[in-house]
Amino acid sequence: MPSTRDPRQVLKEARQIAHDHGCFVSEKHSGCSTYYLLYRRTSPPTLIGQRSTASALRTLVRKACSTH
């Protein structure tokens, strides 16, 4: 039986990877859904992309930060 990862753990991992590579993650609540936005730490912050799930955000962070 395949194990599923807790979305909170996946989000924490994505935030840590982003932080280590000069980015940060912000949450945007819209109605009953949540969007995760990835920014690069510049002045002003540059939006890289947004995703609606923690696992999709983790994939975006890994691609944007060039980690495998």
N, C-alpha and C. Protein backbone atom coordinates (compact mmCIF):
# COMPACT_ATOMS: atom_id res chain seq x y z
N MET A 1 0.84 -1.17 0.00
CA MET A 1 0.00 0.00 0.00
C MET A 1 0.89 1.24 0.00
N PRO A 2 0.73 2.13 -0.98
CA PRO A 2 1.60 3.30 -1.04
C PRO A 2 1.30 4.29 0.08
N SER A 3 2.34 4.87 0.62
CA SER A 3 2.14 5.84 1.68
C SER A 3 1.99 7.24 1.06
N THR A 4 1.11 8.03 1.62
CA THR A 4 0.94 9.40 1.16
C THR A 4 1.57 10.32 2.18
N ARG A 5 2.15 11.38 1.69
CA ARG A 5 2.82 12.32 2.59
C ARG A 5 1.82 13.36 3.06
N ASP A 6 1.99 13.79 4.27
CA ASP A 6 1.15 14.82 4.85
C ASP A 6 1.42 16.14 4.11
N PRO A 7 0.37 16.82 3.62
CA PRO A 7 0.58 18.08 2.90
C PRO A 7 1.32 19.14 3.71
N ARG A 8 1.16 19.12 5.03
CA ARG A 8 1.88 20.08 5.87
C ARG A 8 3.38 19.84 5.81
N GLN A 9 3.79 18.57 5.77
CA GLN A 9 5.21 18.23 5.68
C GLN A 9 5.77 18.62 4.31
N VAL A 10 5.00 18.39 3.26
CA VAL A 10 5.42 18.75 1.91
C VAL A 10 5.58 20.27 1.81
N LEU A 11 4.63 21.01 2.39
CA LEU A 11 4.71 22.48 2.38
C LEU A 11 5.92 22.96 3.16
N LYS A 12 6.19 22.35 4.30
CA LYS A 12 7.36 22.73 5.10
C LYS A 12 8.65 22.49 4.31
N GLU A 13 8.72 21.37 3.61
CA GLU A 13 9.90 21.06 2.81
C GLU A 13 10.06 22.07 1.67
N ALA A 14 8.96 22.42 1.02
CA ALA A 14 9.02 23.40 -0.08
C ALA A 14 9.48 24.76 0.44
N ARG A 15 8.98 25.16 1.60
CA ARG A 15 9.41 26.44 2.18
C ARG A 15 10.90 26.42 2.52
N GLN A 16 11.40 25.30 3.03
CA GLN A 16 12.81 25.20 3.39
C GLN A 16 13.71 25.27 2.15
N ILE A 17 13.33 24.55 1.10
CA ILE A 17 14.10 24.59 -0.14
C ILE A 17 14.11 26.02 -0.70
N ALA A 18 12.95 26.66 -0.70
CA ALA A 18 12.85 28.04 -1.20
C ALA A 18 13.74 28.97 -0.38
N HIS A 19 13.68 28.85 0.92
CA HIS A 19 14.49 29.71 1.80
C HIS A 19 15.98 29.51 1.55
N ASP A 20 16.39 28.28 1.37
CA ASP A 20 17.79 27.97 1.14
C ASP A 20 18.31 28.54 -0.17
N HIS A 21 17.40 28.84 -1.11
CA HIS A 21 17.81 29.32 -2.43
C HIS A 21 17.35 30.74 -2.71
N GLY A 22 17.09 31.52 -1.67
CA GLY A 22 16.79 32.93 -1.85
C GLY A 22 15.38 33.22 -2.32
N CYS A 23 14.44 32.37 -1.96
CA CYS A 23 13.04 32.57 -2.32
C CYS A 23 12.19 32.44 -1.07
N PHE A 24 10.91 32.74 -1.21
CA PHE A 24 9.98 32.51 -0.11
C PHE A 24 8.61 32.17 -0.65
N VAL A 25 7.80 31.52 0.20
CA VAL A 25 6.47 31.08 -0.17
C VAL A 25 5.46 31.87 0.63
N SER A 26 4.42 32.32 -0.05
CA SER A 26 3.34 33.04 0.59
C SER A 26 2.03 32.32 0.29
N GLU A 27 1.08 32.40 1.20
CA GLU A 27 -0.23 31.78 0.99
C GLU A 27 -1.25 32.86 0.70
N LYS A 28 -2.12 32.59 -0.27
CA LYS A 28 -3.20 33.51 -0.62
C LYS A 28 -4.51 32.74 -0.49
N HIS A 29 -5.39 33.23 0.38
CA HIS A 29 -6.67 32.58 0.59
C HIS A 29 -7.71 33.28 -0.27
N SER A 30 -8.39 32.51 -1.10
CA SER A 30 -9.40 33.05 -1.99
C SER A 30 -10.67 32.21 -1.84
N GLY A 31 -11.64 32.75 -1.12
CA GLY A 31 -12.86 31.99 -0.88
C GLY A 31 -12.56 30.78 -0.03
N CYS A 32 -12.87 29.60 -0.55
CA CYS A 32 -12.63 28.36 0.21
C CYS A 32 -11.35 27.65 -0.23
N SER A 33 -10.56 28.26 -1.10
CA SER A 33 -9.33 27.62 -1.56
C SER A 33 -8.11 28.44 -1.16
N THR A 34 -6.96 27.78 -1.18
CA THR A 34 -5.69 28.42 -0.84
C THR A 34 -4.74 28.25 -2.01
N TYR A 35 -4.04 29.32 -2.35
CA TYR A 35 -3.02 29.29 -3.39
C TYR A 35 -1.68 29.59 -2.74
N TYR A 36 -0.66 28.91 -3.21
CA TYR A 36 0.69 29.11 -2.71
C TYR A 36 1.47 29.85 -3.78
N LEU A 37 2.07 30.96 -3.40
CA LEU A 37 2.83 31.79 -4.33
C LEU A 37 4.31 31.72 -4.00
N LEU A 38 5.13 31.56 -5.02
CA LEU A 38 6.58 31.49 -4.85
C LEU A 38 7.18 32.79 -5.36
N TYR A 39 7.95 33.45 -4.50
CA TYR A 39 8.61 34.70 -4.84
C TYR A 39 10.12 34.55 -4.70
N ARG A 40 10.85 35.31 -5.52
CA ARG A 40 12.30 35.42 -5.35
C ARG A 40 12.57 36.65 -4.50
N ARG A 41 13.50 36.52 -3.56
CA ARG A 41 13.82 37.64 -2.67
C ARG A 41 14.64 38.69 -3.42
N THR A 42 13.95 39.66 -3.99
CA THR A 42 14.57 40.80 -4.63
C THR A 42 13.84 42.03 -4.11
N SER A 43 14.23 43.19 -4.55
CA SER A 43 13.54 44.40 -4.13
C SER A 43 12.97 45.08 -5.36
N PRO A 44 11.70 45.05 -5.60
CA PRO A 44 10.61 44.36 -4.90
C PRO A 44 10.61 42.86 -5.23
N PRO A 45 9.95 42.05 -4.40
CA PRO A 45 9.92 40.60 -4.64
C PRO A 45 9.33 40.26 -6.02
N THR A 46 9.92 39.27 -6.68
CA THR A 46 9.49 38.85 -8.01
C THR A 46 8.69 37.57 -7.91
N LEU A 47 7.47 37.59 -8.43
CA LEU A 47 6.62 36.41 -8.42
C LEU A 47 7.14 35.42 -9.46
N ILE A 48 7.40 34.19 -9.03
CA ILE A 48 7.85 33.14 -9.93
C ILE A 48 6.67 32.32 -10.43
N GLY A 49 5.74 32.00 -9.52
CA GLY A 49 4.58 31.22 -9.93
C GLY A 49 3.67 30.93 -8.76
N GLN A 50 2.51 30.36 -9.07
CA GLN A 50 1.57 29.98 -8.02
C GLN A 50 1.01 28.61 -8.29
N ARG A 51 0.69 27.89 -7.23
CA ARG A 51 0.12 26.55 -7.33
C ARG A 51 -0.98 26.40 -6.29
N SER A 52 -1.86 25.44 -6.51
CA SER A 52 -2.99 25.27 -5.61
C SER A 52 -2.82 24.13 -4.61
N THR A 53 -1.79 23.31 -4.79
CA THR A 53 -1.54 22.22 -3.84
C THR A 53 -0.10 22.28 -3.36
N ALA A 54 0.13 21.70 -2.20
CA ALA A 54 1.48 21.70 -1.63
C ALA A 54 2.44 20.89 -2.48
N SER A 55 1.98 19.76 -3.03
CA SER A 55 2.88 18.94 -3.84
C SER A 55 3.23 19.64 -5.15
N ALA A 56 2.29 20.34 -5.74
CA ALA A 56 2.58 21.10 -6.96
C ALA A 56 3.53 22.25 -6.67
N LEU A 57 3.36 22.87 -5.49
CA LEU A 57 4.28 23.94 -5.08
C LEU A 57 5.69 23.39 -4.92
N ARG A 58 5.81 22.24 -4.29
CA ARG A 58 7.14 21.62 -4.08
C ARG A 58 7.82 21.36 -5.42
N THR A 59 7.06 20.89 -6.40
CA THR A 59 7.61 20.66 -7.73
C THR A 59 8.08 21.96 -8.35
N LEU A 60 7.29 23.03 -8.23
CA LEU A 60 7.67 24.34 -8.76
C LEU A 60 8.94 24.85 -8.08
N VAL A 61 9.00 24.73 -6.77
CA VAL A 61 10.17 25.21 -6.02
C VAL A 61 11.42 24.45 -6.47
N ARG A 62 11.30 23.15 -6.61
CA ARG A 62 12.46 22.35 -7.03
C ARG A 62 12.92 22.75 -8.43
N LYS A 63 12.00 23.02 -9.34
CA LYS A 63 12.38 23.44 -10.68
C LYS A 63 12.99 24.84 -10.67
N ALA A 64 12.37 25.75 -9.96
CA ALA A 64 12.85 27.13 -9.93
C ALA A 64 14.20 27.25 -9.22
N CYS A 65 14.44 26.40 -8.25
CA CYS A 65 15.70 26.45 -7.49
C CYS A 65 16.71 25.44 -8.00
N SER A 66 16.37 24.72 -9.05
CA SER A 66 17.27 23.76 -9.69
C SER A 66 17.78 22.70 -8.72
N THR A 67 16.87 22.09 -7.97
CA THR A 67 17.24 20.97 -7.11
C THR A 67 16.58 19.71 -7.66
N HIS A 68 17.19 18.58 -7.43
CA HIS A 68 16.63 17.33 -7.97
C HIS A 68 16.13 16.47 -6.88
